[in-house]
């Protein structure tokens, strides 16, 4: 088993403001990206078929991938080859007219009269997608509220608890901004990735807070001890998510690739927020915020 050596950072070289400046600046840019996306497109992040509604066709055809969109009256949202199946494609549309799209596929993509060109179809209405979107957003809100409540119950003081909440908030906002820039749609799968990030964030932040506030040793000794465990744990998870994302992309599994890259970006943000933003707030609280 490999050993990951976590370097000991000389935090005394930096003021609390310097430590907090970088993660707060990244958070500010992320919020600007989401606000700009909302003003331009009506949504902070592109909505996938689960939330916006639409139709998905799985077609079997020898027609080249680049010519598949020409078979339909409506321009597809995406055409994705299935790596494990030869000449099979997943074609997604914003339209919910499943029958018309299937007929167009049979008329224009079938080879030698083969009517089985359409292997599978699924459709989601706009109203059902909106209800699903509201349920998913409610789930994220409840998870975030539960995490915040847990933080306050564990530490019972404002600054250490709010440090966890702010870090977790940033860990969600930064991947959302990345999704907006990269064009990764918000779907039930990517919402699950965001919920996982809340759990990762709470885990690493509570680990740091607990070592500094509740264990023996001076501030920097406790910080280094927490980093040995926390950074090793996070970097291991980042590596696993990156490998999963690359493997899924190579095999054409778009959802798993999206989940992997979102978790990788979110865990990278978590490293920055935990050991810069959270740590700066804890240090201020430890040396300046507490009065005997």
C-alpha atoms as a PDB file:
ATOM      1  CA  UNK A   1       0.000   0.000   0.000  1.00  0.00           C
ATOM      2  CA  UNK A   2       1.359   3.407  -1.019  1.00  0.00           C
ATOM      3  CA  UNK A   3       2.095   6.143   1.499  1.00  0.00           C
ATOM      4  CA  UNK A   4       0.940   9.697   0.864  1.00  0.00           C
ATOM      5  CA  UNK A   5       3.204  12.235   2.566  1.00  0.00           C
ATOM      6  CA  UNK A   6       1.265  15.361   3.558  1.00  0.00           C
ATOM      7  CA  UNK A   7       3.622  18.361   3.753  1.00  0.00           C
ATOM      8  CA  UNK A   8       3.514  20.536   6.862  1.00  0.00           C
ATOM      9  CA  UNK A   9       2.443  24.034   5.832  1.00  0.00           C
ATOM     10  CA  UNK A  10       3.866  27.072   7.644  1.00  0.00           C
ATOM     11  CA  UNK A  11       0.568  28.797   8.358  1.00  0.00           C
ATOM     12  CA  UNK A  12       2.311  31.417  10.481  1.00  0.00           C
ATOM     13  CA  UNK A  13       3.556  33.035   7.269  1.00  0.00           C
ATOM     14  CA  UNK A  14       0.006  34.032   6.327  1.00  0.00           C
ATOM     15  CA  UNK A  15      -2.574  36.219   8.039  1.00  0.00           C
ATOM     16  CA  UNK A  16      -6.168  35.121   8.456  1.00  0.00           C
ATOM     17  CA  UNK A  17      -7.228  37.522   5.704  1.00  0.00           C
ATOM     18  CA  UNK A  18      -4.660  36.128   3.308  1.00  0.00           C
ATOM     19  CA  UNK A  19      -5.811  32.566   3.958  1.00  0.00           C
ATOM     20  CA  UNK A  20      -9.478  33.430   3.487  1.00  0.00           C
ATOM     21  CA  UNK A  21      -8.968  35.690   0.448  1.00  0.00           C
ATOM     22  CA  UNK A  22      -8.374  32.961  -2.154  1.00  0.00           C
ATOM     23  CA  UNK A  23     -11.362  30.679  -1.334  1.00  0.00           C
ATOM     24  CA  UNK A  24     -13.664  33.697  -0.945  1.00  0.00           C
ATOM     25  CA  UNK A  25     -12.500  35.066  -4.302  1.00  0.00           C
ATOM     26  CA  UNK A  26     -13.144  31.691  -5.980  1.00  0.00           C
ATOM     27  CA  UNK A  27     -16.579  31.552  -4.331  1.00  0.00           C
ATOM     28  CA  UNK A  28     -17.332  35.079  -5.579  1.00  0.00           C
ATOM     29  CA  UNK A  29     -16.372  34.158  -9.153  1.00  0.00           C
ATOM     30  CA  UNK A  30     -18.509  31.009  -8.948  1.00  0.00           C
ATOM     31  CA  UNK A  31     -21.525  33.029  -7.789  1.00  0.00           C
ATOM     32  CA  UNK A  32     -20.977  35.500 -10.650  1.00  0.00           C
ATOM     33  CA  UNK A  33     -20.891  32.617 -13.151  1.00  0.00           C
ATOM     34  CA  UNK A  34     -24.163  31.204 -11.803  1.00  0.00           C
ATOM     35  CA  UNK A  35     -25.791  34.645 -11.793  1.00  0.00           C
ATOM     36  CA  UNK A  36     -24.655  35.281 -15.364  1.00  0.00           C
ATOM     37  CA  UNK A  37     -25.970  31.898 -16.498  1.00  0.00           C
ATOM     38  CA  UNK A  38     -29.299  32.625 -14.837  1.00  0.00           C
ATOM     39  CA  UNK A  39     -29.607  36.010 -16.570  1.00  0.00           C
ATOM     40  CA  UNK A  40     -28.656  34.588 -19.982  1.00  0.00           C
ATOM     41  CA  UNK A  41     -30.443  31.235 -19.962  1.00  0.00           C
ATOM     42  CA  UNK A  42     -33.041  31.470 -17.190  1.00  0.00           C
ATOM     43  CA  UNK A  43     -31.321  28.829 -15.056  1.00  0.00           C
ATOM     44  CA  UNK A  44     -28.009  28.867 -13.130  1.00  0.00           C
ATOM     45  CA  UNK A  45     -27.159  25.443 -14.596  1.00  0.00           C
ATOM     46  CA  UNK A  46     -28.404  23.755 -17.750  1.00  0.00           C
ATOM     47  CA  UNK A  47     -31.290  21.433 -16.880  1.00  0.00           C
ATOM     48  CA  UNK A  48     -31.165  17.839 -18.062  1.00  0.00           C
ATOM     49  CA  UNK A  49     -34.095  15.839 -19.378  1.00  0.00           C
ATOM     50  CA  UNK A  50     -34.987  14.696 -15.845  1.00  0.00           C
ATOM     51  CA  UNK A  51     -35.887  18.293 -14.948  1.00  0.00           C
ATOM     52  CA  UNK A  52     -36.640  20.075 -18.231  1.00  0.00           C
ATOM     53  CA  UNK A  53     -38.598  17.268 -19.899  1.00  0.00           C
ATOM     54  CA  UNK A  54     -37.915  15.726 -23.284  1.00  0.00           C
ATOM     55  CA  UNK A  55     -37.517  12.469 -25.173  1.00  0.00           C
ATOM     56  CA  UNK A  56     -34.653   9.993 -25.408  1.00  0.00           C
ATOM     57  CA  UNK A  57     -34.331   7.469 -28.241  1.00  0.00           C
ATOM     58  CA  UNK A  58     -31.899   4.580 -28.429  1.00  0.00           C
ATOM     59  CA  UNK A  59     -31.398   3.808 -32.128  1.00  0.00           C
ATOM     60  CA  UNK A  60     -29.525   1.070 -33.983  1.00  0.00           C
ATOM     61  CA  UNK A  61     -28.298   2.248 -37.375  1.00  0.00           C
ATOM     62  CA  UNK A  62     -25.315   2.151 -39.686  1.00  0.00           C
ATOM     63  CA  UNK A  63     -25.800   5.854 -40.402  1.00  0.00           C
ATOM     64  CA  UNK A  64     -22.675   7.756 -39.277  1.00  0.00           C
ATOM     65  CA  UNK A  65     -23.030   9.557 -35.959  1.00  0.00           C
ATOM     66  CA  UNK A  66     -22.581  12.997 -37.520  1.00  0.00           C
ATOM     67  CA  UNK A  67     -25.497  12.315 -39.912  1.00  0.00           C
ATOM     68  CA  UNK A  68     -27.971  11.089 -37.264  1.00  0.00           C
ATOM     69  CA  UNK A  69     -29.325  14.610 -36.465  1.00  0.00           C
ATOM     70  CA  UNK A  70     -30.307  15.065 -40.135  1.00  0.00           C
ATOM     71  CA  UNK A  71     -32.879  12.287 -39.756  1.00  0.00           C
ATOM     72  CA  UNK A  72     -35.081  14.414 -37.506  1.00  0.00           C
ATOM     73  CA  UNK A  73     -37.112  17.570 -38.052  1.00  0.00           C
ATOM     74  CA  UNK A  74     -35.969  18.827 -34.638  1.00  0.00           C
ATOM     75  CA  UNK A  75     -32.301  19.341 -33.835  1.00  0.00           C
ATOM     76  CA  UNK A  76     -31.332  16.833 -31.101  1.00  0.00           C
ATOM     77  CA  UNK A  77     -29.942  18.131 -27.826  1.00  0.00           C
ATOM     78  CA  UNK A  78     -27.244  15.461 -27.972  1.00  0.00           C
ATOM     79  CA  UNK A  79     -26.203  12.343 -29.880  1.00  0.00           C
ATOM     80  CA  UNK A  80     -24.054   9.917 -27.926  1.00  0.00           C
ATOM     81  CA  UNK A  81     -22.555   6.672 -29.219  1.00  0.00           C
ATOM     82  CA  UNK A  82     -22.853   3.643 -26.927  1.00  0.00           C
ATOM     83  CA  UNK A  83     -19.337   2.291 -26.569  1.00  0.00           C
ATOM     84  CA  UNK A  84     -20.425  -1.227 -25.631  1.00  0.00           C
ATOM     85  CA  UNK A  85     -22.806  -1.612 -28.595  1.00  0.00           C
ATOM     86  CA  UNK A  86     -21.817  -1.204 -32.230  1.00  0.00           C
ATOM     87  CA  UNK A  87     -23.821   1.337 -34.260  1.00  0.00           C
ATOM     88  CA  UNK A  88     -26.082   2.256 -31.332  1.00  0.00           C
ATOM     89  CA  UNK A  89     -26.738   5.860 -30.323  1.00  0.00           C
ATOM     90  CA  UNK A  90     -28.653   7.667 -27.591  1.00  0.00           C
ATOM     91  CA  UNK A  91     -30.407  10.698 -29.069  1.00  0.00           C
ATOM     92  CA  UNK A  92     -32.020  13.280 -26.766  1.00  0.00           C
ATOM     93  CA  UNK A  93     -34.606  15.942 -27.676  1.00  0.00           C
ATOM     94  CA  UNK A  94     -36.405  18.723 -25.840  1.00  0.00           C
ATOM     95  CA  UNK A  95     -39.634  17.679 -27.580  1.00  0.00           C
ATOM     96  CA  UNK A  96     -41.923  15.198 -25.811  1.00  0.00           C
ATOM     97  CA  UNK A  97     -43.558  13.983 -29.064  1.00  0.00           C
ATOM     98  CA  UNK A  98     -42.202  10.490 -28.707  1.00  0.00           C
ATOM     99  CA  UNK A  99     -44.281   8.954 -31.506  1.00  0.00           C
ATOM    100  CA  UNK A 100     -43.303  11.534 -34.128  1.00  0.00           C
ATOM    101  CA  UNK A 101     -39.599  11.251 -33.308  1.00  0.00           C
ATOM    102  CA  UNK A 102     -39.781   7.437 -33.451  1.00  0.00           C
ATOM    103  CA  UNK A 103     -41.467   7.570 -36.854  1.00  0.00           C
ATOM    104  CA  UNK A 104     -38.796   9.939 -38.175  1.00  0.00           C
ATOM    105  CA  UNK A 105     -36.093   7.557 -36.937  1.00  0.00           C
ATOM    106  CA  UNK A 106     -37.739   4.566 -38.639  1.00  0.00           C
ATOM    107  CA  UNK A 107     -38.248   6.496 -41.860  1.00  0.00           C
ATOM    108  CA  UNK A 108     -34.757   7.991 -42.139  1.00  0.00           C
ATOM    109  CA  UNK A 109     -32.401   5.726 -40.207  1.00  0.00           C
ATOM    110  CA  UNK A 110     -33.682   2.230 -40.989  1.00  0.00           C
ATOM    111  CA  UNK A 111     -31.456   0.182 -43.309  1.00  0.00           C
ATOM    112  CA  UNK A 112     -32.921  -2.305 -45.806  1.00  0.00           C
ATOM    113  CA  UNK A 113     -36.408  -1.925 -44.406  1.00  0.00           C
ATOM    114  CA  UNK A 114     -35.369  -2.822 -40.859  1.00  0.00           C
ATOM    115  CA  UNK A 115     -38.134  -1.356 -38.670  1.00  0.00           C
ATOM    116  CA  UNK A 116     -36.322  -2.198 -35.410  1.00  0.00           C
ATOM    117  CA  UNK A 117     -34.058   0.831 -35.708  1.00  0.00           C
ATOM    118  CA  UNK A 118     -35.634   2.270 -32.529  1.00  0.00           C
ATOM    119  CA  UNK A 119     -34.440   0.044 -29.702  1.00  0.00           C
ATOM    120  CA  UNK A 120     -35.827   1.995 -26.754  1.00  0.00           C
ATOM    121  CA  UNK A 121     -37.722   5.203 -26.048  1.00  0.00           C
ATOM    122  CA  UNK A 122     -38.418   7.253 -22.927  1.00  0.00           C
ATOM    123  CA  UNK A 123     -40.122  10.573 -22.418  1.00  0.00           C
ATOM    124  CA  UNK A 124     -40.527  13.026 -19.541  1.00  0.00           C
ATOM    125  CA  UNK A 125     -43.159  15.742 -19.590  1.00  0.00           C
ATOM    126  CA  UNK A 126     -42.189  19.303 -18.727  1.00  0.00           C
ATOM    127  CA  UNK A 127     -44.605  19.406 -15.773  1.00  0.00           C
ATOM    128  CA  UNK A 128     -43.285  16.138 -14.327  1.00  0.00           C
ATOM    129  CA  UNK A 129     -39.718  17.355 -14.851  1.00  0.00           C
ATOM    130  CA  UNK A 130     -40.522  20.544 -12.948  1.00  0.00           C
ATOM    131  CA  UNK A 131     -41.948  18.542 -10.046  1.00  0.00           C
ATOM    132  CA  UNK A 132     -38.842  16.338 -10.025  1.00  0.00           C
ATOM    133  CA  UNK A 133     -36.662  19.455 -10.050  1.00  0.00           C
ATOM    134  CA  UNK A 134     -38.496  20.909  -7.051  1.00  0.00           C
ATOM    135  CA  UNK A 135     -38.172  17.612  -5.161  1.00  0.00           C
ATOM    136  CA  UNK A 136     -34.430  17.398  -5.908  1.00  0.00           C
ATOM    137  CA  UNK A 137     -33.800  21.003  -4.840  1.00  0.00           C
ATOM    138  CA  UNK A 138     -35.811  20.398  -1.668  1.00  0.00           C
ATOM    139  CA  UNK A 139     -33.624  17.363  -0.971  1.00  0.00           C
ATOM    140  CA  UNK A 140     -30.452  19.461  -1.299  1.00  0.00           C
ATOM    141  CA  UNK A 141     -31.934  22.176   0.931  1.00  0.00           C
ATOM    142  CA  UNK A 142     -32.956  19.656   3.610  1.00  0.00           C
ATOM    143  CA  UNK A 143     -29.519  18.000   3.491  1.00  0.00           C
ATOM    144  CA  UNK A 144     -27.785  21.365   3.816  1.00  0.00           C
ATOM    145  CA  UNK A 145     -30.070  22.418   6.677  1.00  0.00           C
ATOM    146  CA  UNK A 146     -29.464  19.106   8.441  1.00  0.00           C
ATOM    147  CA  UNK A 147     -25.712  19.528   8.020  1.00  0.00           C
ATOM    148  CA  UNK A 148     -25.883  23.062   9.453  1.00  0.00           C
ATOM    149  CA  UNK A 149     -27.947  21.900  12.419  1.00  0.00           C
ATOM    150  CA  UNK A 150     -25.500  19.068  13.104  1.00  0.00           C
ATOM    151  CA  UNK A 151     -22.564  21.494  13.060  1.00  0.00           C
ATOM    152  CA  UNK A 152     -24.200  23.808  15.607  1.00  0.00           C
ATOM    153  CA  UNK A 153     -25.200  20.892  17.839  1.00  0.00           C
ATOM    154  CA  UNK A 154     -21.673  19.474  17.814  1.00  0.00           C
ATOM    155  CA  UNK A 155     -19.723  22.664  18.572  1.00  0.00           C
ATOM    156  CA  UNK A 156     -22.387  24.912  20.148  1.00  0.00           C
ATOM    157  CA  UNK A 157     -20.448  28.060  19.243  1.00  0.00           C
ATOM    158  CA  UNK A 158     -21.030  30.364  16.303  1.00  0.00           C
ATOM    159  CA  UNK A 159     -17.641  30.726  14.556  1.00  0.00           C
ATOM    160  CA  UNK A 160     -16.602  27.030  14.320  1.00  0.00           C
ATOM    161  CA  UNK A 161     -20.126  26.096  13.237  1.00  0.00           C
ATOM    162  CA  UNK A 162     -20.473  28.849  10.631  1.00  0.00           C
ATOM    163  CA  UNK A 163     -17.023  27.912   9.276  1.00  0.00           C
ATOM    164  CA  UNK A 164     -18.369  24.434   8.455  1.00  0.00           C
ATOM    165  CA  UNK A 165     -21.523  25.879   6.870  1.00  0.00           C
ATOM    166  CA  UNK A 166     -19.664  28.410   4.703  1.00  0.00           C
ATOM    167  CA  UNK A 167     -17.160  25.794   3.548  1.00  0.00           C
ATOM    168  CA  UNK A 168     -19.924  23.348   2.629  1.00  0.00           C
ATOM    169  CA  UNK A 169     -21.825  26.091   0.783  1.00  0.00           C
ATOM    170  CA  UNK A 170     -18.718  26.897  -1.261  1.00  0.00           C
ATOM    171  CA  UNK A 171     -18.132  23.186  -1.931  1.00  0.00           C
ATOM    172  CA  UNK A 172     -21.560  23.087  -3.631  1.00  0.00           C
ATOM    173  CA  UNK A 173     -21.437  26.426  -5.461  1.00  0.00           C
ATOM    174  CA  UNK A 174     -18.036  25.899  -7.104  1.00  0.00           C
ATOM    175  CA  UNK A 175     -18.982  22.576  -8.792  1.00  0.00           C
ATOM    176  CA  UNK A 176     -22.296  24.134  -9.902  1.00  0.00           C
ATOM    177  CA  UNK A 177     -20.373  26.961 -11.568  1.00  0.00           C
ATOM    178  CA  UNK A 178     -18.087  24.400 -13.204  1.00  0.00           C
ATOM    179  CA  UNK A 179     -21.167  22.570 -14.514  1.00  0.00           C
ATOM    180  CA  UNK A 180     -22.477  25.823 -15.996  1.00  0.00           C
ATOM    181  CA  UNK A 181     -19.153  26.486 -17.757  1.00  0.00           C
ATOM    182  CA  UNK A 182     -18.612  22.893 -18.932  1.00  0.00           C
ATOM    183  CA  UNK A 183     -22.216  22.435 -20.059  1.00  0.00           C
ATOM    184  CA  UNK A 184     -22.890  19.516 -17.716  1.00  0.00           C
ATOM    185  CA  UNK A 185     -26.669  19.361 -17.217  1.00  0.00           C
ATOM    186  CA  UNK A 186     -28.301  19.136 -13.818  1.00  0.00           C
ATOM    187  CA  UNK A 187     -29.966  15.732 -13.524  1.00  0.00           C
ATOM    188  CA  UNK A 188     -30.918  13.297 -10.792  1.00  0.00           C
ATOM    189  CA  UNK A 189     -27.450  11.754 -11.079  1.00  0.00           C
ATOM    190  CA  UNK A 190     -25.572  15.043 -10.733  1.00  0.00           C
ATOM    191  CA  UNK A 191     -27.827  16.066  -7.835  1.00  0.00           C
ATOM    192  CA  UNK A 192     -26.733  12.837  -6.116  1.00  0.00           C
ATOM    193  CA  UNK A 193     -23.111  13.925  -6.650  1.00  0.00           C
ATOM    194  CA  UNK A 194     -23.847  17.303  -5.016  1.00  0.00           C
ATOM    195  CA  UNK A 195     -25.453  15.546  -2.039  1.00  0.00           C
ATOM    196  CA  UNK A 196     -22.336  13.387  -1.710  1.00  0.00           C
ATOM    197  CA  UNK A 197     -20.225  16.548  -1.657  1.00  0.00           C
ATOM    198  CA  UNK A 198     -22.184  17.830   1.347  1.00  0.00           C
ATOM    199  CA  UNK A 199     -21.236  14.632   3.183  1.00  0.00           C
ATOM    200  CA  UNK A 200     -17.574  14.872   2.154  1.00  0.00           C
ATOM    201  CA  UNK A 201     -17.441  18.530   3.213  1.00  0.00           C
ATOM    202  CA  UNK A 202     -18.950  17.931   6.634  1.00  0.00           C
ATOM    203  CA  UNK A 203     -16.595  15.009   7.221  1.00  0.00           C
ATOM    204  CA  UNK A 204     -13.397  16.940   6.478  1.00  0.00           C
ATOM    205  CA  UNK A 205     -14.502  20.128   8.278  1.00  0.00           C
ATOM    206  CA  UNK A 206     -15.635  18.343  11.424  1.00  0.00           C
ATOM    207  CA  UNK A 207     -12.359  16.408  11.452  1.00  0.00           C
ATOM    208  CA  UNK A 208     -10.389  19.682  11.410  1.00  0.00           C
ATOM    209  CA  UNK A 209     -12.611  21.414  13.974  1.00  0.00           C
ATOM    210  CA  UNK A 210     -12.536  18.452  16.318  1.00  0.00           C
ATOM    211  CA  UNK A 211      -8.735  18.171  16.263  1.00  0.00           C
ATOM    212  CA  UNK A 212      -8.241  21.883  16.915  1.00  0.00           C
ATOM    213  CA  UNK A 213     -10.980  22.515  19.471  1.00  0.00           C
ATOM    214  CA  UNK A 214     -11.242  19.260  21.386  1.00  0.00           C
ATOM    215  CA  UNK A 215      -7.885  17.491  21.312  1.00  0.00           C
ATOM    216  CA  UNK A 216      -4.630  18.174  23.103  1.00  0.00           C
ATOM    217  CA  UNK A 217      -1.726  20.002  21.490  1.00  0.00           C
ATOM    218  CA  UNK A 218      -1.226  23.534  20.257  1.00  0.00           C
ATOM    219  CA  UNK A 219      -3.115  24.973  17.284  1.00  0.00           C
ATOM    220  CA  UNK A 220      -0.584  24.162  14.551  1.00  0.00           C
ATOM    221  CA  UNK A 221       0.227  20.714  15.924  1.00  0.00           C
ATOM    222  CA  UNK A 222      -3.493  19.870  15.905  1.00  0.00           C
ATOM    223  CA  UNK A 223      -3.864  21.316  12.413  1.00  0.00           C
ATOM    224  CA  UNK A 224      -1.032  19.195  11.048  1.00  0.00           C
ATOM    225  CA  UNK A 225      -2.452  16.082  12.711  1.00  0.00           C
ATOM    226  CA  UNK A 226      -5.867  16.701  11.148  1.00  0.00           C
ATOM    227  CA  UNK A 227      -4.296  17.352   7.737  1.00  0.00           C
ATOM    228  CA  UNK A 228      -2.435  14.031   7.798  1.00  0.00           C
ATOM    229  CA  UNK A 229      -5.769  12.211   7.948  1.00  0.00           C
ATOM    230  CA  UNK A 230      -8.011  14.645   6.082  1.00  0.00           C
ATOM    231  CA  UNK A 231      -5.842  15.369   3.048  1.00  0.00           C
ATOM    232  CA  UNK A 232      -4.937  11.699   2.604  1.00  0.00           C
ATOM    233  CA  UNK A 233      -8.619  10.785   2.719  1.00  0.00           C
ATOM    234  CA  UNK A 234      -9.663  13.535   0.292  1.00  0.00           C
ATOM    235  CA  UNK A 235      -6.853  12.981  -2.228  1.00  0.00           C
ATOM    236  CA  UNK A 236      -7.623   9.245  -2.254  1.00  0.00           C
ATOM    237  CA  UNK A 237     -11.275  10.002  -3.007  1.00  0.00           C
ATOM    238  CA  UNK A 238     -10.287  12.536  -5.689  1.00  0.00           C
ATOM    239  CA  UNK A 239      -8.095   9.942  -7.406  1.00  0.00           C
ATOM    240  CA  UNK A 240     -10.884   7.371  -7.338  1.00  0.00           C
ATOM    241  CA  UNK A 241     -13.402   9.853  -8.772  1.00  0.00           C
ATOM    242  CA  UNK A 242     -11.000  10.962 -11.505  1.00  0.00           C
ATOM    243  CA  UNK A 243     -10.313   7.358 -12.538  1.00  0.00           C
ATOM    244  CA  UNK A 244     -14.038   6.614 -12.547  1.00  0.00           C
ATOM    245  CA  UNK A 245     -14.786   9.708 -14.640  1.00  0.00           C
ATOM    246  CA  UNK A 246     -12.095   8.922 -17.226  1.00  0.00           C
ATOM    247  CA  UNK A 247     -13.113   5.258 -17.466  1.00  0.00           C
ATOM    248  CA  UNK A 248     -16.790   6.176 -17.836  1.00  0.00           C
ATOM    249  CA  UNK A 249     -15.939   8.733 -20.527  1.00  0.00           C
ATOM    250  CA  UNK A 250     -13.906   6.149 -22.463  1.00  0.00           C
ATOM    251  CA  UNK A 251     -16.803   3.683 -22.339  1.00  0.00           C
ATOM    252  CA  UNK A 252     -19.382   6.322 -23.238  1.00  0.00           C
ATOM    253  CA  UNK A 253     -21.229   6.317 -19.889  1.00  0.00           C
ATOM    254  CA  UNK A 254     -21.950  10.039 -19.797  1.00  0.00           C
ATOM    255  CA  UNK A 255     -23.725  10.183 -16.433  1.00  0.00           C
ATOM    256  CA  UNK A 256     -20.952   8.401 -14.519  1.00  0.00           C
ATOM    257  CA  UNK A 257     -18.354  10.568 -16.251  1.00  0.00           C
ATOM    258  CA  UNK A 258     -20.249  13.699 -15.151  1.00  0.00           C
ATOM    259  CA  UNK A 259     -20.569  12.436 -11.571  1.00  0.00           C
ATOM    260  CA  UNK A 260     -16.868  11.606 -11.437  1.00  0.00           C
ATOM    261  CA  UNK A 261     -15.693  15.012 -12.681  1.00  0.00           C
ATOM    262  CA  UNK A 262     -18.162  16.901 -10.457  1.00  0.00           C
ATOM    263  CA  UNK A 263     -16.944  15.039  -7.383  1.00  0.00           C
ATOM    264  CA  UNK A 264     -13.315  15.632  -8.397  1.00  0.00           C
ATOM    265  CA  UNK A 265     -13.905  19.387  -8.755  1.00  0.00           C
ATOM    266  CA  UNK A 266     -15.925  19.507  -5.528  1.00  0.00           C
ATOM    267  CA  UNK A 267     -13.280  17.636  -3.524  1.00  0.00           C
ATOM    268  CA  UNK A 268     -10.581  19.956  -4.885  1.00  0.00           C
ATOM    269  CA  UNK A 269     -12.682  22.892  -3.693  1.00  0.00           C
ATOM    270  CA  UNK A 270     -13.122  21.126  -0.341  1.00  0.00           C
ATOM    271  CA  UNK A 271      -9.347  20.952   0.173  1.00  0.00           C
ATOM    272  CA  UNK A 272      -9.081  24.697  -0.433  1.00  0.00           C
ATOM    273  CA  UNK A 273     -12.079  25.619   1.706  1.00  0.00           C
ATOM    274  CA  UNK A 274     -11.201  23.337   4.620  1.00  0.00           C
ATOM    275  CA  UNK A 275      -7.510  24.152   4.975  1.00  0.00           C
ATOM    276  CA  UNK A 276      -7.689  27.837   4.038  1.00  0.00           C
ATOM    277  CA  UNK A 277     -11.154  29.300   4.688  1.00  0.00           C
ATOM    278  CA  UNK A 278     -12.245  27.102   7.594  1.00  0.00           C
ATOM    279  CA  UNK A 279      -8.777  27.154   9.127  1.00  0.00           C
ATOM    280  CA  UNK A 280      -8.545  30.959   8.980  1.00  0.00           C
ATOM    281  CA  UNK A 281     -11.876  31.292  10.813  1.00  0.00           C
ATOM    282  CA  UNK A 282     -10.814  28.741  13.431  1.00  0.00           C
ATOM    283  CA  UNK A 283      -7.484  30.480  13.995  1.00  0.00           C
ATOM    284  CA  UNK A 284      -9.186  33.853  14.413  1.00  0.00           C
ATOM    285  CA  UNK A 285     -11.644  32.257  16.845  1.00  0.00           C
ATOM    286  CA  UNK A 286      -8.883  30.506  18.789  1.00  0.00           C
ATOM    287  CA  UNK A 287      -6.543  33.469  19.207  1.00  0.00           C
ATOM    288  CA  UNK A 288      -8.728  36.554  18.859  1.00  0.00           C
ATOM    289  CA  UNK A 289     -12.389  35.593  19.097  1.00  0.00           C
ATOM    290  CA  UNK A 290     -12.319  33.958  22.540  1.00  0.00           C
ATOM    291  CA  UNK A 291     -12.064  36.142  25.623  1.00  0.00           C
ATOM    292  CA  UNK A 292     -11.273  34.608  28.997  1.00  0.00           C
END
